[in-house]
Each structure stands twice: as structure tokens, then as C-alpha cells.
Amino acid sequence: MRIAELSRQAGVPVPTIKFYLREGLLPAGELSSPNQARYDEQHLRRLRLIRALVDTARLPIAAIRSVLKEIDEPDAELHHVLGRALADTLTPRGPADSAARRRVAEMVERRGWHASPDSPAAQTVAEVLTALEELGVGDLGEKLDEFAAAAEQIADIDLAAVNRRTTVEDVVYASVVGTILGDRLHTGLRRMAHENASASTFGFDPARHSEDPC
């Protein structure tokens, strides 16, 4: 297919596709003439992945480049591949005090997790615990182990689904995509569950909430 058809099927504008080509995110097509290239289903699959990472996961180009590199060049050590692929997808944004970092490390040890307390994910958890204390709602952080238990269940579901793949490439692809987009999925579901729990806890009056958006 030509770039116009690739654009139509993927729902990505041609100028954006050309940008991805220049950035090396999308492999070049096969030249059919000096000024024309043809693209195939693999290009379409990659373009849809890039679009999801940009639009849904909202990752920066640098992080997407790292993710795609690991997808394209997987090795036998899947655990390390996934760790590298996901390392740039979660960036700590604020300070975390030593007490919060210690609590995270203790939680990791207490639960027997094979997870580094110095990873970006662990640093992010410590930052949140620090912010909760500063905002006067540190009691929410006291539920850390309960949140961790729920996260374990989600991780088990994720890996059980991924483990049905038969090749290293497919496992890496599904794991990375599922984890990154799963973050958005879990956030949306958690907000919906909060809405439901709030209605049950604090009461819900249907007469005050019309389904008519107008």
C-alpha cells in the first residue's frame, strides 16, 4: 500500500507518518520508484502501536523509541527485556523523603517482591507517600500493603494473558503494550469503581442526576 492508504487505514495523517519515519520510529517502506514507497501490514501494525503510545499512553517520543527498540530486539531474558522497555515509561516527578523510600523498601521485602526499591516505579510510590503526608492525608498511605495486594492480582491477570503467546517477540509485544495501556485502563476502571463506591457510601439520588447531557 502507498502512504496515503497507510494513513487512511491507521487514521494517522501523512505528515505525522513522515515525522515518525524521520524519527526512526516507523521503518522505511520498500521503494517502488525514486519518489514512492510501499508499505505492508507490519507497517500498519507498527503505526497503530505508535499511535496508541502517543494518544492513549501519552508517552514522549524518547520513551516510545526505547519501547520500540526492546520490542524489535528482544532476547531470551524476558524479565530484563520488559524492565528495560518499561523503564522510561514512568518518570518520577517530585521529591520523596527518606522515610517514604524506606517504607517502600520495607514493603518490597515484606511481600517478598523481586522488585528494585530504586526503580522509577518504586520512586514514584515513595513520591506519592510523601505527598500524602504533606497534604495531611497520610492515613491513605497506611493502606500501602492493601494496594500492593490488589496490584499483585492485576499483575497475575496481566501475565496470565500474556503467557499464552508462543514466541519471544509476541510475549514482549503483548507485555509492553498491555502494561503501558493497562495503566490507563486501570485508572479508568478505578475512577468508575470510586464513583460506584461513593454512590453506595454517601447515597445517590437519581432525581438529581439526569442522564440527558443537555
N, C-alpha and C. Protein backbone atom coordinates (compact mmCIF):
# COMPACT_ATOMS: atom_id res chain seq x y z
N MET A 1 0.85 -1.19 0.00
CA MET A 1 0.00 0.00 0.00
C MET A 1 0.89 1.24 0.00
N ARG A 2 0.38 2.33 -0.56
CA ARG A 2 1.11 3.59 -0.55
C ARG A 2 0.83 4.33 0.76
N ILE A 3 1.56 5.40 0.97
CA ILE A 3 1.48 6.10 2.24
C ILE A 3 0.08 6.66 2.49
N ALA A 4 -0.61 7.05 1.42
CA ALA A 4 -1.97 7.58 1.58
C ALA A 4 -2.91 6.50 2.12
N GLU A 5 -2.76 5.28 1.62
CA GLU A 5 -3.59 4.18 2.09
C GLU A 5 -3.21 3.79 3.52
N LEU A 6 -1.91 3.81 3.80
CA LEU A 6 -1.46 3.55 5.16
C LEU A 6 -2.06 4.56 6.12
N SER A 7 -2.07 5.81 5.70
CA SER A 7 -2.65 6.88 6.52
C SER A 7 -4.14 6.64 6.75
N ARG A 8 -4.85 6.24 5.71
CA ARG A 8 -6.29 6.02 5.83
C ARG A 8 -6.60 4.87 6.77
N GLN A 9 -5.88 3.76 6.62
CA GLN A 9 -6.17 2.60 7.44
C GLN A 9 -5.78 2.80 8.91
N ALA A 10 -4.70 3.52 9.14
CA ALA A 10 -4.24 3.73 10.52
C ALA A 10 -4.90 4.93 11.18
N GLY A 11 -5.51 5.81 10.38
CA GLY A 11 -6.11 7.01 10.95
C GLY A 11 -5.06 8.00 11.43
N VAL A 12 -3.91 8.01 10.76
CA VAL A 12 -2.81 8.90 11.10
C VAL A 12 -2.50 9.77 9.89
N PRO A 13 -2.43 11.10 10.04
CA PRO A 13 -2.17 11.97 8.90
C PRO A 13 -0.82 11.67 8.24
N VAL A 14 -0.73 11.87 6.94
CA VAL A 14 0.50 11.62 6.21
C VAL A 14 1.68 12.41 6.79
N PRO A 15 1.54 13.72 7.10
CA PRO A 15 2.69 14.44 7.68
C PRO A 15 3.19 13.81 8.98
N THR A 16 2.26 13.27 9.77
CA THR A 16 2.67 12.60 11.03
C THR A 16 3.43 11.32 10.73
N ILE A 17 2.98 10.57 9.73
CA ILE A 17 3.69 9.35 9.33
C ILE A 17 5.10 9.70 8.88
N LYS A 18 5.24 10.75 8.11
CA LYS A 18 6.57 11.16 7.65
C LYS A 18 7.46 11.56 8.82
N PHE A 19 6.87 12.18 9.83
CA PHE A 19 7.63 12.52 11.04
C PHE A 19 8.13 11.26 11.74
N TYR A 20 7.26 10.26 11.87
CA TYR A 20 7.67 9.01 12.50
C TYR A 20 8.77 8.32 11.69
N LEU A 21 8.68 8.43 10.36
CA LEU A 21 9.73 7.85 9.51
C LEU A 21 11.06 8.56 9.75
N ARG A 22 11.03 9.90 9.83
CA ARG A 22 12.27 10.66 10.06
C ARG A 22 12.86 10.35 11.43
N GLU A 23 12.00 10.12 12.41
CA GLU A 23 12.47 9.83 13.77
C GLU A 23 12.92 8.39 13.94
N GLY A 24 12.70 7.57 12.92
CA GLY A 24 13.10 6.18 13.01
C GLY A 24 12.16 5.30 13.80
N LEU A 25 10.98 5.80 14.12
CA LEU A 25 10.00 5.01 14.86
C LEU A 25 9.31 4.02 13.93
N LEU A 26 9.12 4.43 12.68
CA LEU A 26 8.46 3.59 11.69
C LEU A 26 9.50 3.22 10.63
N PRO A 27 9.68 1.92 10.36
CA PRO A 27 10.66 1.52 9.34
C PRO A 27 10.30 2.08 7.97
N ALA A 28 11.30 2.33 7.18
CA ALA A 28 11.07 2.84 5.83
C ALA A 28 10.35 1.79 4.99
N GLY A 29 9.55 2.26 4.05
CA GLY A 29 8.87 1.35 3.15
C GLY A 29 9.80 0.88 2.03
N GLU A 30 9.32 -0.03 1.23
CA GLU A 30 10.10 -0.55 0.10
C GLU A 30 9.91 0.38 -1.09
N LEU A 31 11.01 0.89 -1.60
CA LEU A 31 10.93 1.83 -2.72
C LEU A 31 10.38 1.14 -3.96
N SER A 32 9.35 1.75 -4.54
CA SER A 32 8.80 1.25 -5.80
C SER A 32 9.18 2.17 -6.95
N SER A 33 9.68 3.36 -6.61
CA SER A 33 10.20 4.32 -7.57
C SER A 33 11.03 5.31 -6.76
N PRO A 34 11.79 6.20 -7.42
CA PRO A 34 12.62 7.14 -6.66
C PRO A 34 11.85 7.98 -5.64
N ASN A 35 10.57 8.22 -5.90
CA ASN A 35 9.77 9.09 -5.01
C ASN A 35 8.59 8.38 -4.37
N GLN A 36 8.51 7.08 -4.50
CA GLN A 36 7.38 6.35 -3.96
C GLN A 36 7.86 5.14 -3.15
N ALA A 37 7.16 4.86 -2.06
CA ALA A 37 7.46 3.68 -1.26
C ALA A 37 6.18 2.94 -0.97
N ARG A 38 6.29 1.64 -0.80
CA ARG A 38 5.13 0.82 -0.48
C ARG A 38 5.28 0.29 0.93
N TYR A 39 4.13 0.14 1.60
CA TYR A 39 4.11 -0.30 2.99
C TYR A 39 3.22 -1.52 3.11
N ASP A 40 3.45 -2.32 4.16
CA ASP A 40 2.69 -3.56 4.31
C ASP A 40 1.99 -3.61 5.67
N GLU A 41 1.47 -4.78 6.02
CA GLU A 41 0.73 -4.94 7.26
C GLU A 41 1.59 -4.70 8.50
N GLN A 42 2.88 -5.00 8.40
CA GLN A 42 3.77 -4.76 9.54
C GLN A 42 3.90 -3.26 9.82
N HIS A 43 3.95 -2.47 8.76
CA HIS A 43 3.98 -1.01 8.94
C HIS A 43 2.68 -0.52 9.58
N LEU A 44 1.57 -1.10 9.14
CA LEU A 44 0.28 -0.71 9.70
C LEU A 44 0.20 -1.06 11.18
N ARG A 45 0.68 -2.26 11.54
CA ARG A 45 0.67 -2.67 12.93
C ARG A 45 1.54 -1.75 13.78
N ARG A 46 2.75 -1.43 13.26
CA ARG A 46 3.65 -0.55 14.00
C ARG A 46 3.05 0.85 14.13
N LEU A 47 2.44 1.34 13.09
CA LEU A 47 1.86 2.69 13.14
C LEU A 47 0.72 2.76 14.14
N ARG A 48 -0.09 1.72 14.19
CA ARG A 48 -1.18 1.70 15.18
C ARG A 48 -0.63 1.65 16.60
N LEU A 49 0.48 0.92 16.78
CA LEU A 49 1.12 0.87 18.09
C LEU A 49 1.65 2.25 18.49
N ILE A 50 2.34 2.91 17.57
CA ILE A 50 2.87 4.24 17.87
C ILE A 50 1.73 5.19 18.22
N ARG A 51 0.66 5.12 17.46
CA ARG A 51 -0.49 5.99 17.73
C ARG A 51 -1.04 5.75 19.13
N ALA A 52 -1.14 4.49 19.53
CA ALA A 52 -1.66 4.17 20.86
C ALA A 52 -0.72 4.68 21.95
N LEU A 53 0.59 4.55 21.73
CA LEU A 53 1.56 5.01 22.72
C LEU A 53 1.55 6.53 22.83
N VAL A 54 1.29 7.21 21.72
CA VAL A 54 1.23 8.67 21.73
C VAL A 54 -0.09 9.17 22.28
N ASP A 55 -1.19 8.68 21.71
CA ASP A 55 -2.51 9.23 22.03
C ASP A 55 -3.12 8.69 23.31
N THR A 56 -2.97 7.38 23.54
CA THR A 56 -3.61 6.77 24.71
C THR A 56 -2.68 6.76 25.92
N ALA A 57 -1.45 6.24 25.71
CA ALA A 57 -0.49 6.20 26.82
C ALA A 57 0.16 7.55 27.07
N ARG A 58 0.17 8.42 26.04
CA ARG A 58 0.72 9.77 26.15
C ARG A 58 2.21 9.77 26.52
N LEU A 59 2.94 8.89 25.88
CA LEU A 59 4.37 8.81 26.12
C LEU A 59 5.11 9.79 25.22
N PRO A 60 6.23 10.34 25.69
CA PRO A 60 7.06 11.18 24.83
C PRO A 60 7.79 10.33 23.79
N ILE A 61 8.24 10.98 22.73
CA ILE A 61 8.89 10.27 21.63
C ILE A 61 10.10 9.48 22.12
N ALA A 62 10.89 10.05 23.02
CA ALA A 62 12.09 9.36 23.51
C ALA A 62 11.73 8.04 24.20
N ALA A 63 10.66 8.06 24.99
CA ALA A 63 10.23 6.84 25.67
C ALA A 63 9.71 5.82 24.67
N ILE A 64 8.97 6.29 23.66
CA ILE A 64 8.45 5.39 22.64
C ILE A 64 9.60 4.73 21.88
N ARG A 65 10.64 5.51 21.59
CA ARG A 65 11.80 4.96 20.89
C ARG A 65 12.42 3.81 21.70
N SER A 66 12.54 3.99 23.02
CA SER A 66 13.11 2.95 23.87
C SER A 66 12.23 1.70 23.89
N VAL A 67 10.92 1.91 23.97
CA VAL A 67 9.99 0.78 23.97
C VAL A 67 10.10 -0.01 22.68
N LEU A 68 10.11 0.70 21.55
CA LEU A 68 10.15 0.03 20.25
C LEU A 68 11.47 -0.71 20.05
N LYS A 69 12.56 -0.16 20.58
CA LYS A 69 13.86 -0.82 20.46
C LYS A 69 13.83 -2.20 21.12
N GLU A 70 13.23 -2.27 22.31
CA GLU A 70 13.17 -3.55 23.01
C GLU A 70 12.22 -4.52 22.33
N ILE A 71 11.15 -4.00 21.74
CA ILE A 71 10.22 -4.87 21.01
C ILE A 71 10.91 -5.44 19.77
N ASP A 72 11.73 -4.62 19.12
CA ASP A 72 12.38 -5.05 17.88
C ASP A 72 13.58 -5.97 18.12
N GLU A 73 14.20 -5.85 19.30
CA GLU A 73 15.43 -6.60 19.55
C GLU A 73 15.33 -7.37 20.87
N PRO A 74 14.33 -8.22 21.03
CA PRO A 74 14.19 -8.96 22.29
C PRO A 74 15.25 -10.05 22.41
N ASP A 75 15.61 -10.36 23.65
CA ASP A 75 16.50 -11.50 23.87
C ASP A 75 15.79 -12.51 24.77
N ALA A 76 16.49 -13.53 25.16
CA ALA A 76 15.86 -14.62 25.90
C ALA A 76 15.49 -14.25 27.33
N GLU A 77 16.15 -13.22 27.88
CA GLU A 77 15.89 -12.82 29.26
C GLU A 77 14.69 -11.88 29.30
N LEU A 78 13.50 -12.46 29.27
CA LEU A 78 12.28 -11.65 29.16
C LEU A 78 12.12 -10.66 30.30
N HIS A 79 12.47 -11.09 31.51
CA HIS A 79 12.32 -10.21 32.67
C HIS A 79 13.12 -8.93 32.48
N HIS A 80 14.35 -9.06 31.99
CA HIS A 80 15.20 -7.89 31.80
C HIS A 80 14.74 -7.06 30.61
N VAL A 81 14.25 -7.73 29.57
CA VAL A 81 13.74 -7.00 28.41
C VAL A 81 12.57 -6.12 28.81
N LEU A 82 11.64 -6.68 29.57
CA LEU A 82 10.47 -5.91 29.98
C LEU A 82 10.87 -4.76 30.90
N GLY A 83 11.83 -5.02 31.79
CA GLY A 83 12.30 -3.96 32.68
C GLY A 83 12.89 -2.80 31.91
N ARG A 84 13.71 -3.11 30.90
CA ARG A 84 14.32 -2.05 30.10
C ARG A 84 13.27 -1.33 29.27
N ALA A 85 12.35 -2.10 28.70
CA ALA A 85 11.34 -1.50 27.83
C ALA A 85 10.44 -0.54 28.59
N LEU A 86 10.16 -0.84 29.85
CA LEU A 86 9.22 -0.03 30.62
C LEU A 86 9.91 1.03 31.47
N ALA A 87 11.24 1.01 31.51
CA ALA A 87 11.97 1.91 32.40
C ALA A 87 11.67 3.37 32.13
N ASP A 88 11.53 3.75 30.85
CA ASP A 88 11.33 5.15 30.50
C ASP A 88 9.87 5.56 30.43
N THR A 89 8.96 4.63 30.75
CA THR A 89 7.54 4.95 30.62
C THR A 89 6.93 5.49 31.91
N LEU A 90 7.70 5.47 32.99
CA LEU A 90 7.23 6.01 34.26
C LEU A 90 8.34 6.86 34.85
N THR A 91 8.15 8.17 34.85
CA THR A 91 9.19 9.09 35.28
C THR A 91 8.80 9.75 36.60
N PRO A 92 9.60 9.55 37.65
CA PRO A 92 9.33 10.25 38.91
C PRO A 92 9.32 11.76 38.69
N ARG A 93 8.41 12.46 39.36
CA ARG A 93 8.22 13.88 39.08
C ARG A 93 8.49 14.80 40.26
N GLY A 94 8.65 14.26 41.45
CA GLY A 94 8.83 15.13 42.59
C GLY A 94 9.70 14.49 43.64
N PRO A 95 9.93 15.20 44.75
CA PRO A 95 10.82 14.66 45.80
C PRO A 95 10.12 13.60 46.64
N ALA A 96 10.92 12.70 47.16
CA ALA A 96 10.43 11.69 48.10
C ALA A 96 11.37 11.67 49.29
N ASP A 97 10.81 11.76 50.50
CA ASP A 97 11.69 11.80 51.66
C ASP A 97 12.20 10.39 51.99
N SER A 98 13.22 10.36 52.83
CA SER A 98 13.88 9.09 53.14
C SER A 98 12.93 8.13 53.85
N ALA A 99 12.01 8.66 54.65
CA ALA A 99 11.06 7.80 55.37
C ALA A 99 10.15 7.07 54.38
N ALA A 100 9.70 7.79 53.36
CA ALA A 100 8.82 7.19 52.36
C ALA A 100 9.58 6.14 51.56
N ARG A 101 10.81 6.44 51.19
CA ARG A 101 11.61 5.45 50.44
C ARG A 101 11.84 4.19 51.28
N ARG A 102 12.05 4.41 52.58
CA ARG A 102 12.26 3.27 53.47
C ARG A 102 11.00 2.43 53.58
N ARG A 103 9.85 3.07 53.63
CA ARG A 103 8.59 2.33 53.71
C ARG A 103 8.37 1.47 52.47
N VAL A 104 8.72 2.01 51.31
CA VAL A 104 8.58 1.25 50.08
C VAL A 104 9.52 0.05 50.09
N ALA A 105 10.77 0.27 50.50
CA ALA A 105 11.74 -0.82 50.55
C ALA A 105 11.29 -1.91 51.53
N GLU A 106 10.73 -1.49 52.66
CA GLU A 106 10.25 -2.45 53.64
C GLU A 106 9.06 -3.24 53.10
N MET A 107 8.20 -2.56 52.36
CA MET A 107 7.05 -3.25 51.76
C MET A 107 7.52 -4.29 50.76
N VAL A 108 8.50 -3.93 49.93
CA VAL A 108 9.05 -4.87 48.95
C VAL A 108 9.60 -6.10 49.65
N GLU A 109 10.35 -5.89 50.72
CA GLU A 109 10.94 -7.02 51.46
C GLU A 109 9.85 -7.83 52.15
N ARG A 110 8.89 -7.14 52.74
CA ARG A 110 7.83 -7.82 53.48
C ARG A 110 7.00 -8.74 52.58
N ARG A 111 6.77 -8.29 51.36
CA ARG A 111 5.93 -9.05 50.45
C ARG A 111 6.76 -10.02 49.60
N GLY A 112 8.07 -9.97 49.76
CA GLY A 112 8.92 -10.89 49.00
C GLY A 112 8.95 -10.61 47.52
N TRP A 113 8.78 -9.34 47.16
CA TRP A 113 8.77 -8.97 45.76
C TRP A 113 10.18 -8.97 45.19
N HIS A 114 10.32 -9.43 43.95
CA HIS A 114 11.57 -9.29 43.21
C HIS A 114 11.48 -7.99 42.43
N ALA A 115 11.57 -6.89 43.15
CA ALA A 115 11.44 -5.56 42.56
C ALA A 115 12.43 -4.63 43.24
N SER A 116 13.09 -3.82 42.43
CA SER A 116 14.11 -2.92 42.98
C SER A 116 13.46 -1.72 43.67
N PRO A 117 13.85 -1.44 44.92
CA PRO A 117 13.32 -0.26 45.61
C PRO A 117 13.86 1.04 45.04
N ASP A 118 14.81 0.94 44.10
CA ASP A 118 15.37 2.14 43.47
C ASP A 118 14.84 2.36 42.06
N SER A 119 13.90 1.55 41.63
CA SER A 119 13.36 1.68 40.27
C SER A 119 12.48 2.93 40.17
N PRO A 120 12.22 3.40 38.93
CA PRO A 120 11.31 4.54 38.78
C PRO A 120 9.93 4.29 39.39
N ALA A 121 9.45 3.04 39.30
CA ALA A 121 8.14 2.73 39.88
C ALA A 121 8.16 2.88 41.40
N ALA A 122 9.22 2.36 42.03
CA ALA A 122 9.34 2.47 43.48
C ALA A 122 9.50 3.92 43.90
N GLN A 123 10.27 4.67 43.14
CA GLN A 123 10.44 6.09 43.44
C GLN A 123 9.11 6.84 43.33
N THR A 124 8.31 6.46 42.34
CA THR A 124 7.01 7.09 42.17
C THR A 124 6.11 6.82 43.37
N VAL A 125 6.11 5.57 43.85
CA VAL A 125 5.31 5.23 45.03
C VAL A 125 5.77 6.05 46.23
N ALA A 126 7.09 6.18 46.40
CA ALA A 126 7.62 6.97 47.53
C ALA A 126 7.22 8.43 47.42
N GLU A 127 7.22 8.96 46.21
CA GLU A 127 6.81 10.35 46.00
C GLU A 127 5.35 10.56 46.41
N VAL A 128 4.51 9.60 46.05
CA VAL A 128 3.09 9.71 46.39
C VAL A 128 2.91 9.65 47.91
N LEU A 129 3.61 8.75 48.57
CA LEU A 129 3.52 8.65 50.03
C LEU A 129 3.96 9.96 50.68
N THR A 130 5.02 10.56 50.15
CA THR A 130 5.50 11.84 50.68
C THR A 130 4.45 12.92 50.50
N ALA A 131 3.85 12.98 49.31
CA ALA A 131 2.83 14.00 49.04
C ALA A 131 1.60 13.81 49.92
N LEU A 132 1.20 12.57 50.16
CA LEU A 132 0.05 12.31 51.03
C LEU A 132 0.29 12.83 52.43
N GLU A 133 1.50 12.62 52.94
CA GLU A 133 1.84 13.12 54.27
C GLU A 133 1.79 14.64 54.29
N GLU A 134 2.35 15.27 53.29
CA GLU A 134 2.39 16.73 53.25
C GLU A 134 1.00 17.34 53.14
N LEU A 135 0.08 16.61 52.51
CA LEU A 135 -1.29 17.11 52.33
C LEU A 135 -2.21 16.74 53.49
N GLY A 136 -1.66 16.07 54.48
CA GLY A 136 -2.45 15.75 55.67
C GLY A 136 -3.37 14.56 55.52
N VAL A 137 -3.12 13.72 54.52
CA VAL A 137 -3.94 12.52 54.34
C VAL A 137 -3.03 11.29 54.31
N GLY A 138 -2.04 11.30 55.17
CA GLY A 138 -1.08 10.20 55.21
C GLY A 138 -1.70 8.87 55.58
N ASP A 139 -2.90 8.91 56.18
CA ASP A 139 -3.56 7.65 56.53
C ASP A 139 -3.88 6.81 55.29
N LEU A 140 -4.01 7.47 54.13
CA LEU A 140 -4.22 6.71 52.90
C LEU A 140 -3.00 5.86 52.59
N GLY A 141 -1.82 6.40 52.88
CA GLY A 141 -0.60 5.66 52.65
C GLY A 141 -0.44 4.47 53.56
N GLU A 142 -1.18 4.46 54.67
CA GLU A 142 -1.11 3.32 55.57
C GLU A 142 -1.73 2.07 54.97
N LYS A 143 -2.46 2.25 53.88
CA LYS A 143 -3.08 1.12 53.17
C LYS A 143 -2.15 0.57 52.09
N LEU A 144 -0.86 0.88 52.19
CA LEU A 144 0.09 0.51 51.14
C LEU A 144 0.06 -0.98 50.84
N ASP A 145 0.04 -1.81 51.87
CA ASP A 145 0.05 -3.26 51.63
C ASP A 145 -1.24 -3.73 50.97
N GLU A 146 -2.36 -3.09 51.29
CA GLU A 146 -3.62 -3.47 50.66
C GLU A 146 -3.61 -3.08 49.18
N PHE A 147 -3.06 -1.90 48.89
CA PHE A 147 -2.92 -1.50 47.49
C PHE A 147 -1.98 -2.46 46.76
N ALA A 148 -0.91 -2.86 47.45
CA ALA A 148 0.06 -3.78 46.83
C ALA A 148 -0.58 -5.13 46.54
N ALA A 149 -1.43 -5.60 47.45
CA ALA A 149 -2.10 -6.88 47.24
C ALA A 149 -3.00 -6.83 46.01
N ALA A 150 -3.70 -5.70 45.84
CA ALA A 150 -4.55 -5.54 44.66
C ALA A 150 -3.70 -5.49 43.40
N ALA A 151 -2.54 -4.82 43.49
CA ALA A 151 -1.65 -4.74 42.33
C ALA A 151 -1.11 -6.12 41.95
N GLU A 152 -0.87 -6.96 42.95
CA GLU A 152 -0.40 -8.32 42.67
C GLU A 152 -1.44 -9.08 41.86
N GLN A 153 -2.70 -8.94 42.22
CA GLN A 153 -3.76 -9.63 41.48
C GLN A 153 -3.82 -9.15 40.04
N ILE A 154 -3.68 -7.84 39.83
CA ILE A 154 -3.70 -7.29 38.48
C ILE A 154 -2.51 -7.82 37.68
N ALA A 155 -1.33 -7.85 38.32
CA ALA A 155 -0.13 -8.34 37.63
C ALA A 155 -0.29 -9.80 37.24
N ASP A 156 -0.90 -10.60 38.11
CA ASP A 156 -1.12 -12.01 37.79
C ASP A 156 -2.04 -12.17 36.58
N ILE A 157 -3.08 -11.33 36.52
CA ILE A 157 -4.01 -11.38 35.38
C ILE A 157 -3.28 -10.98 34.11
N ASP A 158 -2.47 -9.91 34.20
CA ASP A 158 -1.71 -9.45 33.03
C ASP A 158 -0.81 -10.55 32.49
N LEU A 159 -0.02 -11.14 33.38
CA LEU A 159 0.96 -12.13 32.94
C LEU A 159 0.31 -13.42 32.46
N ALA A 160 -0.82 -13.79 33.06
CA ALA A 160 -1.51 -15.00 32.60
C ALA A 160 -2.00 -14.82 31.17
N ALA A 161 -2.46 -13.62 30.84
CA ALA A 161 -2.93 -13.36 29.47
C ALA A 161 -1.77 -13.36 28.50
N VAL A 162 -0.66 -12.74 28.91
CA VAL A 162 0.50 -12.61 28.03
C VAL A 162 1.16 -13.96 27.79
N ASN A 163 1.16 -14.81 28.81
CA ASN A 163 1.92 -16.06 28.76
C ASN A 163 1.37 -17.06 27.74
N ARG A 164 0.22 -16.75 27.16
CA ARG A 164 -0.33 -17.65 26.14
C ARG A 164 0.37 -17.48 24.79
N ARG A 165 1.17 -16.40 24.66
CA ARG A 165 1.90 -16.20 23.41
C ARG A 165 2.99 -17.26 23.27
N THR A 166 3.36 -17.56 22.03
CA THR A 166 4.29 -18.67 21.80
C THR A 166 5.70 -18.24 21.43
N THR A 167 5.90 -16.99 21.02
CA THR A 167 7.23 -16.55 20.65
C THR A 167 7.70 -15.43 21.56
N VAL A 168 9.01 -15.27 21.66
CA VAL A 168 9.56 -14.19 22.49
C VAL A 168 9.05 -12.83 22.02
N GLU A 169 9.05 -12.65 20.69
CA GLU A 169 8.61 -11.37 20.14
C GLU A 169 7.18 -11.05 20.53
N ASP A 170 6.30 -12.05 20.44
CA ASP A 170 4.89 -11.83 20.78
C ASP A 170 4.71 -11.56 22.27
N VAL A 171 5.47 -12.26 23.11
CA VAL A 171 5.37 -12.05 24.56
C VAL A 171 5.82 -10.65 24.92
N VAL A 172 6.93 -10.21 24.36
CA VAL A 172 7.43 -8.87 24.64
C VAL A 172 6.44 -7.82 24.16
N TYR A 173 5.95 -7.99 22.94
CA TYR A 173 4.99 -7.04 22.37
C TYR A 173 3.75 -6.92 23.26
N ALA A 174 3.15 -8.06 23.59
CA ALA A 174 1.93 -8.06 24.39
C ALA A 174 2.18 -7.54 25.80
N SER A 175 3.32 -7.88 26.39
CA SER A 175 3.62 -7.45 27.76
C SER A 175 3.79 -5.94 27.83
N VAL A 176 4.58 -5.40 26.90
CA VAL A 176 4.84 -3.97 26.91
C VAL A 176 3.57 -3.18 26.62
N VAL A 177 2.87 -3.58 25.55
CA VAL A 177 1.64 -2.87 25.19
C VAL A 177 0.60 -3.01 26.30
N GLY A 178 0.45 -4.22 26.83
CA GLY A 178 -0.54 -4.45 27.89
C GLY A 178 -0.23 -3.67 29.15
N THR A 179 1.04 -3.58 29.51
CA THR A 179 1.40 -2.84 30.72
C THR A 179 1.18 -1.35 30.54
N ILE A 180 1.65 -0.80 29.44
CA ILE A 180 1.55 0.64 29.22
C ILE A 180 0.09 1.08 29.08
N LEU A 181 -0.66 0.41 28.21
CA LEU A 181 -2.06 0.79 28.04
C LEU A 181 -2.89 0.33 29.23
N GLY A 182 -2.43 -0.75 29.89
CA GLY A 182 -3.14 -1.21 31.08
C GLY A 182 -3.17 -0.18 32.18
N ASP A 183 -2.11 0.64 32.26
CA ASP A 183 -2.09 1.71 33.27
C ASP A 183 -3.29 2.64 33.09
N ARG A 184 -3.57 2.98 31.84
CA ARG A 184 -4.71 3.85 31.56
C ARG A 184 -6.03 3.12 31.83
N LEU A 185 -6.06 1.84 31.46
CA LEU A 185 -7.26 1.03 31.70
C LEU A 185 -7.56 0.96 33.19
N HIS A 186 -6.54 0.68 33.99
CA HIS A 186 -6.75 0.54 35.43
C HIS A 186 -7.17 1.87 36.06
N THR A 187 -6.61 2.98 35.57
CA THR A 187 -7.00 4.29 36.09
C THR A 187 -8.48 4.55 35.81
N GLY A 188 -8.90 4.26 34.58
CA GLY A 188 -10.31 4.48 34.25
C GLY A 188 -11.24 3.60 35.07
N LEU A 189 -10.89 2.32 35.20
CA LEU A 189 -11.72 1.41 35.99
C LEU A 189 -11.76 1.82 37.46
N ARG A 190 -10.62 2.28 37.98
CA ARG A 190 -10.58 2.69 39.39
C ARG A 190 -11.49 3.90 39.63
N ARG A 191 -11.47 4.84 38.69
CA ARG A 191 -12.36 6.01 38.83
C ARG A 191 -13.83 5.59 38.78
N MET A 192 -14.15 4.65 37.88
CA MET A 192 -15.52 4.17 37.81
C MET A 192 -15.91 3.45 39.09
N ALA A 193 -14.99 2.65 39.64
CA ALA A 193 -15.27 1.95 40.89
C ALA A 193 -15.45 2.94 42.03
N HIS A 194 -14.65 4.01 42.03
CA HIS A 194 -14.81 5.05 43.05
C HIS A 194 -16.20 5.67 42.97
N GLU A 195 -16.62 5.96 41.73
CA GLU A 195 -17.94 6.56 41.54
C GLU A 195 -19.03 5.64 42.11
N ASN A 196 -18.90 4.35 41.83
CA ASN A 196 -19.87 3.39 42.32
C ASN A 196 -19.84 3.28 43.85
N ALA A 197 -18.61 3.20 44.41
CA ALA A 197 -18.47 3.09 45.86
C ALA A 197 -18.97 4.35 46.56
N SER A 198 -18.72 5.51 45.95
CA SER A 198 -19.18 6.77 46.54
C SER A 198 -20.70 6.82 46.59
N ALA A 199 -21.33 6.36 45.50
CA ALA A 199 -22.80 6.36 45.48
C ALA A 199 -23.35 5.44 46.55
N SER A 200 -22.69 4.29 46.77
CA SER A 200 -23.16 3.34 47.78
C SER A 200 -22.91 3.86 49.19
N THR A 201 -21.81 4.55 49.39
CA THR A 201 -21.42 5.02 50.73
C THR A 201 -22.15 6.29 51.13
N PHE A 202 -22.22 7.24 50.20
CA PHE A 202 -22.76 8.55 50.55
C PHE A 202 -24.18 8.78 50.05
N GLY A 203 -24.70 7.82 49.31
CA GLY A 203 -26.07 7.95 48.82
C GLY A 203 -26.11 8.53 47.42
N PHE A 204 -27.08 8.09 46.65
CA PHE A 204 -27.22 8.54 45.28
C PHE A 204 -28.68 8.79 45.00
N ASP A 205 -28.99 10.02 44.58
CA ASP A 205 -30.36 10.41 44.28
C ASP A 205 -30.51 10.52 42.77
N PRO A 206 -31.14 9.52 42.13
CA PRO A 206 -31.27 9.56 40.66
C PRO A 206 -31.98 10.80 40.16
N ALA A 207 -32.87 11.35 40.98
CA ALA A 207 -33.65 12.51 40.52
C ALA A 207 -32.76 13.74 40.32
N ARG A 208 -31.60 13.76 40.99
CA ARG A 208 -30.72 14.93 40.87
C ARG A 208 -29.67 14.74 39.79
N HIS A 209 -29.67 13.61 39.13
CA HIS A 209 -28.65 13.32 38.13
C HIS A 209 -29.32 12.81 36.86
N SER A 210 -29.62 13.68 35.95
CA SER A 210 -30.24 13.29 34.69
C SER A 210 -29.19 12.71 33.76
N GLU A 211 -29.59 11.70 33.01
CA GLU A 211 -28.69 11.12 32.01
C GLU A 211 -28.63 11.95 30.74
N ASP A 212 -29.53 12.92 30.64
CA ASP A 212 -29.54 13.80 29.47
C ASP A 212 -28.37 14.77 29.56
N PRO A 213 -27.38 14.72 28.64
CA PRO A 213 -26.22 15.60 28.74
C PRO A 213 -26.56 17.06 28.60
N CYS A 214 -27.76 17.37 28.08
CA CYS A 214 -28.17 18.76 27.95
C CYS A 214 -28.79 19.25 29.25
